[in-house]
Amino acid sequence: MDWYDVLIVGAGHGGAQAAMALRQHKFAGTVAMIGEEPELPYERPPLSKDYLAGDKSFERILIRPPAFWPDRAITVLTGERVARVDPDAHAVTTDTGTTIGYGRLIWAAGGHARRLTCAGHDLKGVHSVRSRADVDRMMAELATTTRVAVIGGGYIGLEAAAVLAKLGKHVTVLEAQDRVLARVAGEALSRFYEAEHRAHGIDIRLNTVVDCIEEQAGGAAGVRLATGEIVPAEMVIVGIGIVPAVAPLLAAGAAGGNGVAVDAHGRTSLVDIWAIGDCALHANPFADGPPIRLESVQNANDMATTVVKAITGTPEPYHSVPWFWSHQYDLKLQTVGLSTGHDLAVLRGDPTARSFSIVYLRQGRVIALDCVNAVRDYVQGRALVVGGLSPDPAILADPAIGLKDMAAATCATA
């Protein structure tokens, strides 16, 4: 049985960062990553943007060149999924029956795309956007695809819709809620993006419930709605979130549910097992309420560093402000903080100029910003979120007053 001082389950952003951070912190023991995909670690955000559009090759989205990993004595095991964890034996077993022992285990398995359960969900032409293989299958069908239905109006769905519209496809976005980006942004930003997509020829359908996928000759032919209407489509993209990949940990006795519960240092309730990234259920100082999961590169990377510090004897609790980004058309959206639970949204700038920010407050304190083509606000607004500062909303709304100056003034009077 192979054995490693640190075994990392998952070869995405979090797993790769954990492996790199171990060497950066002078960890001299054996390190291995195990990933279920056949590829070396690569960046996932470009999948729904540059990679799907054909603007970047796969080699350009690798996290590090292939030689990087052996050069740093990091073993990368690809094409195997961990099916069982035995915390008493300090070992995992893969779906091929391989058993691997560990001294410490970092669970960075992320999640799998949530799939439809209705009739036709498994037809040819129905896709998720989670892995290189997913997007490669989509790209192979583009030449014979004229109409695309995107189920879900979140970031992934809208990014894919923007690329496909640019490629000349007729795209319809089907969203069950009354606005796009409903889980992650305020109404003003949702309405802005709805208008932008419609201006690019995309049919946005809100309050729309899917009944099933229609079949023709063994493949998707359209999406039947609960109203009985059929939206014609040779390709269906499903972007309705992820299911955290934590079943083996929960089966082994780890605390959790919608993710695996971790403490401020990333430890699970199982001895010598940590968890990071999309699947880690954690108390976040920038969230209002119960523990959350954050599906972002920032969270995966920062949690990886937190866990490595704990393993290498320099523990430091996780305390990183969340940030996200999305590219759609020529719009660069940058978000800092979490807007969930805001009671006031302040607009800075003019959305018709396609450069503006929305500042979210809760009980007078800034908790998040959404910045569209407004890099300066994004960079300077971070201090308002980190400090939980309470600037005057009327002044906050004036784009002529820099957020940097506002933060300094607010700190001086606090």
Protein backbone atom coordinates (compact mmCIF):
# COMPACT_ATOMS: atom_id res chain seq x y z
CA MET A 1 0.00 0.00 0.00
CA ASP A 2 1.33 3.43 -0.94
CA TRP A 3 1.54 5.89 1.94
CA TYR A 4 2.02 9.67 2.06
CA ASP A 5 2.63 12.09 4.89
CA VAL A 6 -0.05 14.34 3.36
CA LEU A 7 -2.63 13.05 0.91
CA ILE A 8 -4.78 15.63 -0.85
CA VAL A 9 -8.08 14.40 -2.28
CA GLY A 10 -8.96 16.69 -5.17
CA ALA A 11 -6.72 18.20 -7.83
CA GLY A 12 -8.51 21.49 -8.44
CA HIS A 13 -7.60 24.96 -7.21
CA GLY A 14 -7.73 24.07 -3.52
CA GLY A 15 -5.83 20.82 -3.83
CA ALA A 16 -3.13 22.36 -6.02
CA GLN A 17 -2.75 25.34 -3.70
CA ALA A 18 -2.45 23.05 -0.67
CA ALA A 19 0.31 21.04 -2.34
CA MET A 20 2.19 24.17 -3.39
CA ALA A 21 1.78 25.80 0.01
CA LEU A 22 3.19 22.74 1.77
CA ARG A 23 6.43 23.09 -0.17
CA GLN A 24 6.44 26.88 0.24
CA HIS A 25 6.23 26.34 4.01
CA LYS A 26 9.22 23.96 3.83
CA PHE A 27 7.21 20.80 4.49
CA ALA A 28 9.69 18.00 3.75
CA GLY A 29 7.38 14.97 3.95
CA THR A 30 5.81 13.08 1.08
CA VAL A 31 2.85 14.78 -0.65
CA ALA A 32 0.34 13.41 -3.15
CA MET A 33 -2.76 14.72 -4.85
CA ILE A 34 -5.43 12.38 -6.18
CA GLY A 35 -7.98 13.63 -8.69
CA GLU A 36 -10.82 11.91 -10.48
CA GLU A 37 -10.13 13.63 -13.80
CA PRO A 38 -7.34 12.43 -16.12
CA GLU A 39 -5.80 15.91 -16.34
CA LEU A 40 -3.23 17.69 -14.23
CA PRO A 41 -4.60 20.57 -12.08
CA TYR A 42 -6.19 23.29 -14.20
CA GLU A 43 -8.20 26.48 -13.75
CA ARG A 44 -11.96 26.02 -13.83
CA PRO A 45 -13.27 29.61 -14.28
CA PRO A 46 -12.10 29.80 -17.93
CA LEU A 47 -14.14 26.71 -18.83
CA SER A 48 -17.34 28.72 -19.31
CA LYS A 49 -15.50 31.65 -20.88
CA ASP A 50 -12.14 31.58 -22.69
CA TYR A 51 -11.91 27.81 -23.12
CA LEU A 52 -15.47 27.38 -24.40
CA ALA A 53 -14.96 30.34 -26.74
CA GLY A 54 -11.76 28.77 -28.09
CA ASP A 55 -9.70 31.78 -26.99
CA LYS A 56 -7.46 29.69 -24.70
CA SER A 57 -6.07 26.22 -25.22
CA PHE A 58 -6.14 23.72 -22.39
CA GLU A 59 -2.39 24.10 -21.89
CA ARG A 60 -2.91 27.79 -21.14
CA ILE A 61 -5.32 27.07 -18.29
CA LEU A 62 -3.10 24.57 -16.46
CA ILE A 63 -2.39 25.84 -12.94
CA ARG A 64 1.28 24.94 -13.38
CA PRO A 65 3.30 23.35 -16.23
CA PRO A 66 3.46 19.54 -16.09
CA ALA A 67 7.10 19.52 -14.90
CA PHE A 68 6.25 21.67 -11.87
CA TRP A 69 4.82 18.83 -9.79
CA PRO A 70 7.66 16.26 -10.03
CA ASP A 71 10.20 19.08 -9.67
CA ARG A 72 8.75 19.69 -6.21
CA ALA A 73 8.33 16.03 -5.31
CA ILE A 74 4.54 16.24 -5.46
CA THR A 75 2.90 13.06 -6.72
CA VAL A 76 -0.22 13.61 -8.84
CA LEU A 77 -2.51 10.58 -9.16
CA THR A 78 -5.12 11.16 -11.87
CA GLY A 79 -8.23 9.36 -12.99
CA GLU A 80 -9.26 7.92 -9.62
CA ARG A 81 -12.05 8.87 -7.25
CA VAL A 82 -11.88 8.25 -3.52
CA ALA A 83 -14.87 6.10 -2.62
CA ARG A 84 -14.12 5.29 1.03
CA VAL A 85 -12.26 6.87 3.93
CA ASP A 86 -11.12 4.83 6.94
CA PRO A 87 -10.09 7.37 9.58
CA ASP A 88 -8.97 4.69 12.04
CA ALA A 89 -6.61 3.06 9.55
CA HIS A 90 -5.63 6.46 8.10
CA ALA A 91 -6.36 5.18 4.59
CA VAL A 92 -8.58 5.85 1.60
CA THR A 93 -9.83 3.44 -1.04
CA THR A 94 -10.52 4.51 -4.61
CA ASP A 95 -13.26 3.35 -6.93
CA THR A 96 -10.72 1.05 -8.63
CA GLY A 97 -9.95 -0.68 -5.33
CA THR A 98 -6.59 1.01 -4.70
CA THR A 99 -5.84 1.70 -1.02
CA ILE A 100 -3.61 4.63 -0.07
CA GLY A 101 -2.45 5.43 3.43
CA TYR A 102 -1.89 8.90 4.85
CA GLY A 103 -0.53 10.70 7.87
CA ARG A 104 -2.83 13.67 7.28
CA LEU A 105 -5.63 14.03 4.77
CA ILE A 106 -6.75 17.27 3.09
CA TRP A 107 -10.17 16.88 1.46
CA ALA A 108 -10.40 19.25 -1.51
CA ALA A 109 -12.81 17.27 -3.66
CA GLY A 110 -15.09 20.22 -4.44
CA GLY A 111 -18.40 19.11 -5.86
CA HIS A 112 -20.22 17.74 -8.86
CA ALA A 113 -22.66 19.61 -11.05
CA ARG A 114 -26.22 19.27 -9.81
CA ARG A 115 -28.17 17.44 -12.48
CA LEU A 116 -31.75 17.53 -13.56
CA THR A 117 -33.97 14.67 -12.39
CA CYS A 118 -36.72 15.08 -14.97
CA ALA A 119 -37.30 12.90 -18.02
CA GLY A 120 -34.61 13.40 -20.65
CA HIS A 121 -31.95 14.61 -18.22
CA ASP A 122 -29.45 12.09 -19.58
CA LEU A 123 -30.01 12.63 -23.29
CA LYS A 124 -27.20 13.40 -25.70
CA GLY A 125 -26.90 17.16 -25.94
CA VAL A 126 -27.61 17.83 -22.23
CA HIS A 127 -24.50 19.25 -20.56
CA SER A 128 -23.05 20.68 -17.38
CA VAL A 129 -20.07 23.03 -17.22
CA ARG A 130 -17.87 21.63 -14.48
CA SER A 131 -14.93 19.88 -16.11
CA ARG A 132 -12.78 19.99 -19.22
CA ALA A 133 -14.54 16.87 -20.46
CA ASP A 134 -17.93 18.59 -20.08
CA VAL A 135 -16.86 21.53 -22.23
CA ASP A 136 -15.06 19.35 -24.77
CA ARG A 137 -18.31 17.46 -25.34
CA MET A 138 -20.16 20.73 -25.81
CA MET A 139 -17.56 22.03 -28.26
CA ALA A 140 -17.78 18.83 -30.30
CA GLU A 141 -21.51 19.47 -30.83
CA LEU A 142 -21.37 23.18 -31.65
CA ALA A 143 -21.08 22.70 -35.39
CA THR A 144 -24.47 20.96 -35.48
CA THR A 145 -26.11 23.22 -32.88
CA THR A 146 -28.23 26.22 -33.77
CA ARG A 147 -30.37 26.64 -30.64
CA VAL A 148 -29.25 26.38 -27.02
CA ALA A 149 -31.34 26.38 -23.84
CA VAL A 150 -29.53 27.29 -20.64
CA ILE A 151 -31.29 26.14 -17.47
CA GLY A 152 -30.23 28.38 -14.59
CA GLY A 153 -29.42 32.09 -14.57
CA GLY A 154 -26.38 32.04 -12.29
CA TYR A 155 -22.82 32.97 -13.20
CA ILE A 156 -22.06 29.74 -15.07
CA GLY A 157 -25.25 29.84 -17.09
CA LEU A 158 -24.91 33.49 -18.03
CA GLU A 159 -21.22 33.20 -18.91
CA ALA A 160 -21.89 30.23 -21.17
CA ALA A 161 -24.87 32.03 -22.70
CA ALA A 162 -22.71 35.06 -23.51
CA VAL A 163 -20.06 32.94 -25.23
CA LEU A 164 -22.59 30.93 -27.22
CA ALA A 165 -24.40 34.08 -28.35
CA LYS A 166 -21.05 35.45 -29.53
CA LEU A 167 -20.59 32.21 -31.48
CA GLY A 168 -23.85 32.89 -33.30
CA LYS A 169 -26.16 30.51 -31.45
CA HIS A 170 -29.76 31.32 -30.59
CA VAL A 171 -29.78 31.15 -26.79
CA THR A 172 -32.65 31.00 -24.31
CA VAL A 173 -31.99 31.26 -20.57
CA LEU A 174 -34.59 29.60 -18.33
CA GLU A 175 -34.55 30.82 -14.72
CA ALA A 176 -36.94 29.51 -12.06
CA GLN A 177 -36.71 32.63 -9.87
CA ASP A 178 -37.93 36.11 -10.68
CA ARG A 179 -34.47 37.39 -11.64
CA VAL A 180 -31.06 36.11 -12.69
CA LEU A 181 -28.21 35.99 -10.15
CA ALA A 182 -30.83 35.90 -7.41
CA ARG A 183 -28.64 33.96 -4.97
CA VAL A 184 -25.58 36.17 -5.28
CA ALA A 185 -26.54 39.74 -6.12
CA GLY A 186 -29.08 42.48 -5.49
CA GLU A 187 -31.98 43.24 -7.80
CA ALA A 188 -30.35 46.21 -9.53
CA LEU A 189 -27.44 44.10 -10.75
CA SER A 190 -29.81 41.32 -11.83
CA ARG A 191 -31.86 43.73 -13.95
CA PHE A 192 -28.72 45.21 -15.49
CA TYR A 193 -27.48 41.79 -16.64
CA GLU A 194 -30.91 40.76 -17.88
CA ALA A 195 -30.98 43.88 -20.07
CA GLU A 196 -27.43 43.27 -21.31
CA HIS A 197 -28.15 39.71 -22.34
CA ARG A 198 -31.38 40.67 -24.04
CA ALA A 199 -29.51 43.41 -25.92
CA HIS A 200 -27.21 40.67 -27.24
CA GLY A 201 -30.17 38.69 -28.54
CA ILE A 202 -30.59 36.23 -25.66
CA ASP A 203 -34.13 35.29 -24.66
CA ILE A 204 -34.30 35.53 -20.84
CA ARG A 205 -37.27 33.70 -19.32
CA LEU A 206 -37.93 34.29 -15.61
CA ASN A 207 -40.28 32.45 -13.23
CA THR A 208 -39.92 29.50 -15.59
CA VAL A 209 -40.24 25.90 -14.45
CA VAL A 210 -38.82 23.05 -16.52
CA ASP A 211 -40.95 19.93 -16.94
CA CYS A 212 -38.67 17.71 -19.07
CA ILE A 213 -36.22 17.54 -21.93
CA GLU A 214 -37.79 16.63 -25.26
CA GLU A 215 -36.13 13.85 -27.28
CA GLN A 216 -35.60 13.36 -30.98
CA ALA A 217 -33.44 10.60 -32.48
CA GLY A 218 -31.85 9.89 -29.10
CA GLY A 219 -30.81 13.48 -28.43
CA ALA A 220 -32.21 16.66 -26.95
CA ALA A 221 -34.67 18.52 -29.14
CA GLY A 222 -36.00 21.09 -26.69
CA VAL A 223 -37.11 21.89 -23.17
CA ARG A 224 -40.74 21.42 -22.22
CA LEU A 225 -41.88 23.96 -19.64
CA ALA A 226 -44.49 23.45 -16.93
CA THR A 227 -46.86 25.57 -19.06
CA GLY A 228 -46.59 23.02 -21.87
CA GLU A 229 -44.56 25.29 -24.12
CA ILE A 230 -41.54 23.71 -25.78
CA VAL A 231 -38.36 25.78 -26.16
CA PRO A 232 -36.55 24.24 -29.17
CA ALA A 233 -32.88 23.40 -28.52
CA GLU A 234 -30.36 20.90 -29.81
CA MET A 235 -28.14 21.67 -26.82
CA VAL A 236 -29.21 22.10 -23.18
CA ILE A 237 -26.81 23.48 -20.59
CA VAL A 238 -27.69 22.88 -16.95
CA GLY A 239 -26.28 25.37 -14.46
CA ILE A 240 -28.22 24.82 -11.24
CA GLY A 241 -25.40 24.62 -8.71
CA ILE A 242 -23.25 21.83 -7.33
CA VAL A 243 -23.56 18.95 -4.91
CA PRO A 244 -20.57 18.96 -2.51
CA ALA A 245 -18.46 15.81 -2.88
CA VAL A 246 -18.37 14.77 0.77
CA ALA A 247 -20.23 11.44 0.87
CA PRO A 248 -17.15 9.35 1.81
CA LEU A 249 -16.33 11.70 4.71
CA LEU A 250 -19.89 11.74 6.02
CA ALA A 251 -20.04 7.95 5.73
CA ALA A 252 -16.86 7.80 7.81
CA GLY A 253 -18.54 9.81 10.57
CA ALA A 254 -17.57 13.40 9.78
CA ALA A 255 -19.97 16.11 10.95
CA GLY A 256 -21.76 17.95 8.19
CA GLY A 257 -24.60 17.75 5.71
CA ASN A 258 -24.53 20.26 2.87
CA GLY A 259 -20.76 20.03 2.98
CA VAL A 260 -18.38 18.80 5.66
CA ALA A 261 -18.15 20.92 8.81
CA VAL A 262 -14.74 22.42 9.62
CA ASP A 263 -13.38 24.66 12.36
CA ALA A 264 -11.50 27.93 11.93
CA HIS A 265 -8.37 26.00 10.91
CA GLY A 266 -10.14 23.74 8.42
CA ARG A 267 -10.23 20.67 10.67
CA THR A 268 -13.12 18.24 10.31
CA SER A 269 -14.44 16.24 13.26
CA LEU A 270 -12.26 13.31 12.14
CA VAL A 271 -8.69 13.04 13.42
CA ASP A 272 -6.00 14.23 10.99
CA ILE A 273 -8.54 15.18 8.32
CA TRP A 274 -9.02 18.72 7.02
CA ALA A 275 -11.37 20.05 4.32
CA ILE A 276 -11.18 23.11 2.08
CA GLY A 277 -12.93 24.87 -0.77
CA ASP A 278 -16.39 24.34 -2.22
CA CYS A 279 -17.19 21.40 0.05
CA ALA A 280 -16.10 22.96 3.38
CA LEU A 281 -18.95 24.14 5.61
CA HIS A 282 -17.46 26.87 7.77
CA ALA A 283 -18.35 29.83 9.96
CA ASN A 284 -17.41 32.85 7.88
CA PRO A 285 -16.84 36.21 9.60
CA PHE A 286 -18.23 38.02 6.56
CA ALA A 287 -21.48 36.04 6.47
CA ASP A 288 -24.53 36.78 8.57
CA GLY A 289 -25.92 33.59 10.03
CA PRO A 290 -25.09 29.86 10.07
CA PRO A 291 -22.02 28.21 8.51
CA ILE A 292 -21.76 28.46 4.74
CA ARG A 293 -19.98 26.96 1.76
CA LEU A 294 -18.23 29.32 -0.63
CA GLU A 295 -17.78 28.25 -4.23
CA SER A 296 -14.86 30.42 -5.32
CA VAL A 297 -11.21 30.18 -6.24
CA GLN A 298 -10.38 32.69 -3.51
CA ASN A 299 -11.98 30.56 -0.83
CA ALA A 300 -10.30 27.38 -2.04
CA ASN A 301 -6.86 28.99 -2.15
CA ASP A 302 -7.14 30.82 1.16
CA MET A 303 -8.53 27.81 3.03
CA ALA A 304 -5.70 25.71 1.60
CA THR A 305 -3.16 28.13 3.04
CA THR A 306 -4.96 28.09 6.40
CA VAL A 307 -4.83 24.29 6.57
CA VAL A 308 -1.17 24.14 5.55
CA LYS A 309 -0.27 26.63 8.28
CA ALA A 310 -2.01 24.40 10.82
CA ILE A 311 -0.22 21.30 9.56
CA THR A 312 3.20 22.97 9.53
CA GLY A 313 2.89 24.34 13.05
CA THR A 314 2.06 28.00 12.37
CA PRO A 315 -1.73 27.98 12.86
CA GLU A 316 -3.72 31.04 11.86
CA PRO A 317 -7.55 31.06 11.78
CA TYR A 318 -9.27 31.55 8.45
CA HIS A 319 -10.24 35.21 8.04
CA SER A 320 -10.33 36.14 4.36
CA VAL A 321 -12.82 38.50 2.78
CA PRO A 322 -14.66 36.67 -0.02
CA TRP A 323 -14.24 37.90 -3.57
CA PHE A 324 -15.52 36.73 -6.93
CA TRP A 325 -15.47 37.75 -10.57
CA SER A 326 -17.37 37.14 -13.79
CA HIS A 327 -16.67 38.10 -17.41
CA GLN A 328 -19.66 38.47 -19.73
CA TYR A 329 -19.23 40.23 -23.07
CA ASP A 330 -17.03 43.28 -22.34
CA LEU A 331 -18.30 43.49 -18.76
CA LYS A 332 -15.98 42.64 -15.89
CA LEU A 333 -17.91 42.09 -12.68
CA GLN A 334 -15.85 42.05 -9.49
CA THR A 335 -17.46 41.35 -6.14
CA VAL A 336 -16.00 41.73 -2.67
CA GLY A 337 -17.88 40.58 0.42
CA LEU A 338 -21.25 38.81 0.69
CA SER A 339 -24.39 40.83 -0.02
CA THR A 340 -26.81 38.28 1.47
CA GLY A 341 -28.98 39.92 4.10
CA HIS A 342 -28.35 43.52 3.03
CA ASP A 343 -30.99 46.08 3.91
CA LEU A 344 -29.71 48.91 1.71
CA ALA A 345 -28.10 49.00 -1.74
CA VAL A 346 -26.39 52.22 -2.85
CA LEU A 347 -25.68 52.82 -6.54
CA ARG A 348 -22.43 54.58 -7.51
CA GLY A 349 -22.27 55.72 -11.10
CA ASP A 350 -24.53 55.21 -14.09
CA PRO A 351 -25.36 51.70 -15.32
CA THR A 352 -26.11 53.09 -18.80
CA ALA A 353 -22.42 54.06 -19.00
CA ARG A 354 -21.62 50.40 -18.27
CA SER A 355 -19.28 51.34 -15.43
CA PHE A 356 -20.78 51.46 -11.94
CA SER A 357 -20.80 49.91 -8.49
CA ILE A 358 -23.45 48.82 -6.03
CA VAL A 359 -22.55 49.03 -2.36
CA TYR A 360 -24.51 46.82 0.03
CA LEU A 361 -25.06 47.74 3.67
CA ARG A 362 -26.59 45.94 6.62
CA GLN A 363 -27.54 47.98 9.69
CA GLY A 364 -25.46 50.84 8.35
CA ARG A 365 -22.28 48.88 7.74
CA VAL A 366 -20.82 48.04 4.34
CA ILE A 367 -20.88 44.27 3.74
CA ALA A 368 -20.24 43.94 -0.01
CA LEU A 369 -19.70 45.66 -3.35
CA ASP A 370 -20.55 44.60 -6.89
CA CYS A 371 -18.34 46.53 -9.31
CA VAL A 372 -19.00 46.47 -13.06
CA ASN A 373 -16.06 47.78 -15.08
CA ALA A 374 -15.11 49.73 -11.95
CA VAL A 375 -11.78 48.30 -10.81
CA ARG A 376 -10.92 51.27 -8.61
CA ASP A 377 -14.09 50.88 -6.54
CA TYR A 378 -13.41 47.17 -6.20
CA VAL A 379 -9.85 47.68 -4.97
CA GLN A 380 -10.65 50.60 -2.66
CA GLY A 381 -13.98 49.24 -1.42
CA ARG A 382 -12.33 46.23 0.15
CA ALA A 383 -11.32 48.33 3.17
CA LEU A 384 -14.96 49.29 3.75
CA VAL A 385 -15.98 45.62 3.85
CA VAL A 386 -13.05 44.38 5.94
CA GLY A 387 -13.53 47.19 8.43
CA GLY A 388 -17.32 46.92 8.50
CA LEU A 389 -17.34 50.70 8.12
CA SER A 390 -20.43 52.91 8.12
CA PRO A 391 -20.05 55.80 5.64
CA ASP A 392 -22.91 58.18 4.95
CA PRO A 393 -24.99 56.57 2.16
CA ALA A 394 -25.47 59.93 0.47
CA ILE A 395 -21.72 60.43 0.23
CA LEU A 396 -21.25 56.78 -0.71
CA ALA A 397 -23.49 57.35 -3.74
CA ASP A 398 -21.23 60.10 -5.12
CA PRO A 399 -18.81 58.51 -7.61
CA ALA A 400 -16.67 61.67 -7.52
CA ILE A 401 -15.63 60.79 -3.97
CA GLY A 402 -13.13 57.93 -3.91
CA LEU A 403 -13.86 54.99 -1.64
CA LYS A 404 -10.27 55.14 -0.42
CA ASP A 405 -10.80 58.64 0.93
CA MET A 406 -14.15 57.61 2.34
CA ALA A 407 -12.63 54.65 4.17
CA ALA A 408 -9.91 56.84 5.67
CA ALA A 409 -12.44 59.45 6.77
CA THR A 410 -14.75 56.85 8.26
CA CYS A 411 -11.87 55.25 10.18
CA ALA A 412 -10.82 58.65 11.50
CA THR A 413 -14.29 59.36 12.88
CA ALA A 414 -15.05 55.83 14.13
